Structure formats: structure tokens, C-alpha cells
N, C-alpha and C. Protein backbone atom coordinates (compact mmCIF):
# COMPACT_ATOMS: atom_id res chain seq x y z
N UNK A 1 143.46 73.66 177.71
CA UNK A 1 143.45 72.32 176.79
C UNK A 1 144.52 72.43 175.77
N UNK A 2 145.18 73.46 175.46
CA UNK A 2 146.46 73.63 174.85
C UNK A 2 145.75 74.12 173.22
N UNK A 3 146.84 74.39 172.39
CA UNK A 3 146.90 75.08 171.35
C UNK A 3 146.07 74.27 170.32
N UNK A 4 144.98 74.22 170.17
CA UNK A 4 143.83 73.00 169.28
C UNK A 4 144.62 73.27 167.86
N UNK A 5 144.95 74.43 167.43
CA UNK A 5 145.43 74.34 166.29
C UNK A 5 146.65 73.61 165.84
N UNK A 6 147.63 73.69 166.80
CA UNK A 6 149.06 72.64 166.94
C UNK A 6 148.78 71.51 166.54
N UNK A 7 147.62 70.72 167.76
CA UNK A 7 147.25 69.81 167.67
C UNK A 7 146.48 69.09 166.62
N UNK A 8 146.04 69.74 165.51
CA UNK A 8 145.44 69.37 164.54
C UNK A 8 146.35 69.69 162.93
N UNK A 9 146.96 70.41 163.56
CA UNK A 9 148.36 70.27 162.55
C UNK A 9 149.12 68.93 162.26
N UNK A 10 149.33 68.89 164.06
CA UNK A 10 150.35 67.58 164.48
C UNK A 10 149.12 65.76 163.64
N UNK A 11 148.27 66.13 163.73
CA UNK A 11 146.92 64.88 163.58
C UNK A 11 147.15 64.96 161.81
N UNK A 12 147.40 66.07 161.38
CA UNK A 12 147.34 65.93 159.58
C UNK A 12 149.11 65.57 159.42
N UNK A 13 149.72 66.05 159.87
CA UNK A 13 151.06 65.54 159.77
C UNK A 13 151.19 64.04 159.75
N UNK A 14 150.42 63.67 161.08
CA UNK A 14 150.58 61.65 161.43
C UNK A 14 150.10 61.59 160.21
N UNK A 15 148.98 61.72 160.19
CA UNK A 15 148.13 61.09 158.96
C UNK A 15 148.63 61.31 157.73
N UNK A 16 149.09 61.89 156.96
CA UNK A 16 150.07 62.25 155.89
C UNK A 16 151.13 61.45 155.51
N UNK A 17 151.86 61.76 157.38
CA UNK A 17 153.15 60.81 157.21
C UNK A 17 152.63 59.00 156.53
N UNK A 18 151.54 59.29 157.63
CA UNK A 18 151.01 57.31 157.54
C UNK A 18 150.42 57.15 155.86
N UNK A 19 150.23 57.39 155.44
CA UNK A 19 149.66 57.45 154.64
C UNK A 19 150.40 57.53 153.41
N UNK A 20 151.82 57.99 153.45
CA UNK A 20 152.72 58.49 152.41
C UNK A 20 153.27 56.31 152.45
N UNK A 21 153.86 55.98 153.87
CA UNK A 21 153.78 54.88 154.10
C UNK A 21 152.71 54.07 153.34
N UNK A 22 151.42 53.82 153.74
CA UNK A 22 150.66 53.00 152.96
C UNK A 22 150.28 52.65 151.91
N UNK A 23 150.79 54.01 151.13
CA UNK A 23 150.68 54.13 149.34
C UNK A 23 151.80 54.37 149.17
N UNK A 24 152.95 54.55 149.91
CA UNK A 24 153.97 54.18 148.91
C UNK A 24 154.85 52.92 148.89
N UNK A 25 154.57 52.13 149.03
CA UNK A 25 155.06 50.77 149.37
C UNK A 25 155.88 50.41 150.36
N UNK A 26 155.96 51.09 151.23
CA UNK A 26 156.70 50.66 152.57
C UNK A 26 156.71 49.67 153.38
N UNK A 27 157.06 49.20 154.08
CA UNK A 27 157.28 47.73 154.59
C UNK A 27 155.79 47.75 155.37
N UNK A 28 155.90 46.73 155.66
CA UNK A 28 154.25 46.85 156.36
C UNK A 28 155.39 47.03 158.02
N UNK A 29 156.06 47.05 158.33
CA UNK A 29 156.07 47.10 160.03
C UNK A 29 156.70 48.79 159.92
N UNK A 30 157.12 48.94 159.02
CA UNK A 30 157.26 51.01 159.01
C UNK A 30 155.78 51.40 159.20
N UNK A 31 155.01 50.55 158.44
CA UNK A 31 153.51 51.35 158.39
C UNK A 31 152.72 51.31 159.31
N UNK A 32 153.05 49.67 159.85
CA UNK A 32 152.31 49.51 160.85
C UNK A 32 152.89 50.49 162.10
N UNK A 33 153.86 50.43 162.33
CA UNK A 33 154.55 51.41 163.52
C UNK A 33 153.86 52.89 163.68
N UNK A 34 153.49 53.15 162.23
CA UNK A 34 153.35 54.54 162.04
C UNK A 34 151.68 54.40 162.36
N UNK A 35 151.15 53.77 161.76
CA UNK A 35 149.58 53.51 162.08
C UNK A 35 149.02 53.34 163.97
N UNK A 36 149.88 52.35 164.30
CA UNK A 36 149.67 52.87 165.98
C UNK A 36 149.74 53.58 166.55
N UNK A 37 150.90 55.06 166.27
CA UNK A 37 151.55 55.40 167.39
C UNK A 37 149.83 57.02 166.74
N UNK A 38 149.89 57.43 165.31
CA UNK A 38 148.84 58.15 164.73
C UNK A 38 147.55 57.83 165.69
N UNK A 39 147.40 56.01 165.64
CA UNK A 39 146.12 55.89 166.35
C UNK A 39 146.04 56.36 167.76
N UNK A 40 146.82 56.28 168.53
CA UNK A 40 147.15 56.16 170.02
C UNK A 40 146.90 57.76 170.04
N UNK A 41 147.49 58.58 169.07
CA UNK A 41 147.47 60.31 169.22
C UNK A 41 146.03 60.61 168.75
N UNK A 42 145.71 59.98 168.15
CA UNK A 42 144.08 60.80 167.84
C UNK A 42 143.04 59.88 168.64
N UNK A 43 143.57 58.78 169.88
CA UNK A 43 142.84 58.76 169.96
C UNK A 43 143.02 59.21 171.58
N UNK A 44 144.37 59.58 171.93
CA UNK A 44 144.08 60.75 173.41
C UNK A 44 143.21 61.54 172.97
N UNK A 45 143.79 62.50 172.37
CA UNK A 45 142.43 63.53 171.52
C UNK A 45 141.44 63.60 171.83
N UNK A 46 140.63 62.06 171.53
CA UNK A 46 139.56 61.79 171.78
C UNK A 46 138.56 61.68 173.43
N UNK A 47 139.98 61.30 174.02
CA UNK A 47 139.68 60.76 175.36
C UNK A 47 139.56 62.16 176.15
N UNK A 48 140.46 63.40 175.66
CA UNK A 48 140.46 63.96 176.54
C UNK A 48 139.03 65.05 176.34
N UNK A 49 138.51 64.78 175.46
CA UNK A 49 137.33 65.64 174.86
C UNK A 49 138.02 66.79 173.73
N UNK A 50 139.03 66.34 173.16
CA UNK A 50 139.20 67.73 172.29
C UNK A 50 138.17 67.85 171.21
N UNK A 51 137.81 66.55 170.39
CA UNK A 51 137.08 66.38 169.39
C UNK A 51 136.20 65.05 169.69
N UNK A 52 134.77 65.55 169.27
CA UNK A 52 134.15 64.08 169.26
C UNK A 52 134.43 62.66 167.75
N UNK A 53 134.40 61.64 168.43
CA UNK A 53 134.98 60.98 167.40
C UNK A 53 134.34 61.07 166.32
N UNK A 54 133.73 61.32 165.97
CA UNK A 54 132.42 61.42 164.49
C UNK A 54 133.04 62.22 163.70
N UNK A 55 134.08 63.42 164.54
CA UNK A 55 134.18 64.41 164.01
C UNK A 55 136.06 64.10 163.23
N UNK A 56 136.53 63.92 164.28
CA UNK A 56 137.59 62.99 164.32
C UNK A 56 137.52 61.98 162.87
N UNK A 57 136.35 61.33 162.79
CA UNK A 57 136.69 60.38 161.92
C UNK A 57 136.76 61.14 160.28
N UNK A 58 135.88 61.76 160.55
CA UNK A 58 135.69 62.75 159.44
C UNK A 58 137.16 63.24 158.86
N UNK A 59 137.89 63.60 159.57
CA UNK A 59 138.79 64.27 159.52
C UNK A 59 139.57 63.71 158.79
N UNK A 60 139.44 62.55 159.38
CA UNK A 60 140.44 61.11 158.92
C UNK A 60 140.12 60.58 157.03
N UNK A 61 138.66 61.28 157.25
CA UNK A 61 138.43 60.50 155.90
C UNK A 61 138.99 61.72 154.73
N UNK A 62 138.70 63.01 155.07
CA UNK A 62 139.15 64.28 154.34
C UNK A 62 140.33 64.24 154.43
N UNK A 63 141.29 63.90 155.02
CA UNK A 63 142.55 63.59 154.91
C UNK A 63 143.14 62.92 153.89
N UNK A 64 142.81 61.64 153.93
CA UNK A 64 143.02 60.93 153.12
C UNK A 64 142.46 60.96 151.81
N UNK A 65 141.24 61.38 151.80
CA UNK A 65 141.06 62.06 150.28
C UNK A 65 141.93 63.18 149.32
N UNK A 66 142.14 64.25 150.38
CA UNK A 66 142.70 64.76 149.88
C UNK A 66 144.46 64.44 149.57
N UNK A 67 144.68 63.44 149.94
CA UNK A 67 146.44 62.75 150.18
C UNK A 67 146.12 62.01 148.79
N UNK A 68 145.33 61.16 148.34
CA UNK A 68 145.06 60.38 147.59
C UNK A 68 144.73 61.14 146.07
N UNK A 69 143.60 62.39 146.40
CA UNK A 69 143.73 62.91 144.96
C UNK A 69 145.03 63.82 144.94
N UNK A 70 146.19 64.44 145.50
CA UNK A 70 146.99 64.85 145.27
C UNK A 70 148.10 64.27 144.56
N UNK A 71 147.87 62.65 144.70
CA UNK A 71 148.86 61.81 144.37
C UNK A 71 148.55 61.60 142.05
N UNK A 72 150.02 61.72 142.00
CA UNK A 72 149.45 61.57 140.35
C UNK A 72 149.00 60.01 139.88
N UNK A 73 148.89 60.11 138.79
CA UNK A 73 148.79 58.29 138.40
C UNK A 73 149.78 57.03 137.96
N UNK A 74 150.99 57.82 138.14
CA UNK A 74 152.07 57.29 138.62
C UNK A 74 152.49 57.20 139.71
N UNK A 75 152.07 57.68 141.05
CA UNK A 75 152.36 57.87 142.55
C UNK A 75 150.97 56.27 142.99
N UNK A 76 150.34 56.63 141.77
CA UNK A 76 148.57 55.40 142.10
C UNK A 76 148.93 54.33 142.06
N UNK A 77 150.10 53.44 141.07
CA UNK A 77 150.12 52.30 140.68
C UNK A 77 151.54 51.61 142.13
N UNK A 78 150.54 50.48 142.74
CA UNK A 78 151.39 49.82 144.32
C UNK A 78 152.69 49.69 143.71
N UNK A 79 153.25 50.00 144.40
CA UNK A 79 155.42 49.27 144.04
C UNK A 79 155.03 48.21 144.84
N UNK A 80 155.98 47.53 144.60
CA UNK A 80 156.40 46.13 145.20
C UNK A 80 157.74 46.60 146.31
N UNK A 81 156.85 45.37 147.84
CA UNK A 81 157.49 45.92 148.94
C UNK A 81 158.93 45.25 148.63
């Protein structure tokens, strides 16, 4: 099935890039493209049986929380697009 650590590192990288776009004021087009790419990658891992869907959803929640917790107060103020 390949290197599970590498796949998880890729999921974490994709999620963080997506969250940077989402919360960083990127254009809707850039964010939606990254969201679709990330979703497709995650769905492929679920379809291959790499990780159950509930476990993947928990990973996504944890990564989002970690990303948001790492931001400063100034970062949390939405930027104009």
C-alpha cells in the first residue's frame, strides 16, 4: 500500500495549504481549486482503504484546530479579497 507516513505527510501538507488559502484571504478560485485537489486526494485514500472515513474526518478536524491555534490575533482578522 505504500508508505503510510508519506501519505499522511502529504494530507497534512495539502490541508495546511488549503487552510492558508481559506483563512489568508486568497481568491475564491484559488481556494476552491485547492479544496477540490485536497478532497480528491483524501477521497482516494479512503477509497483504497488506507484510513476509515471517520478517522480521516478526525484528522482534518485536528489539523484545522492546530492551524487555527498557531495563528496570531492579527492573522485571524479576515483580509479583504
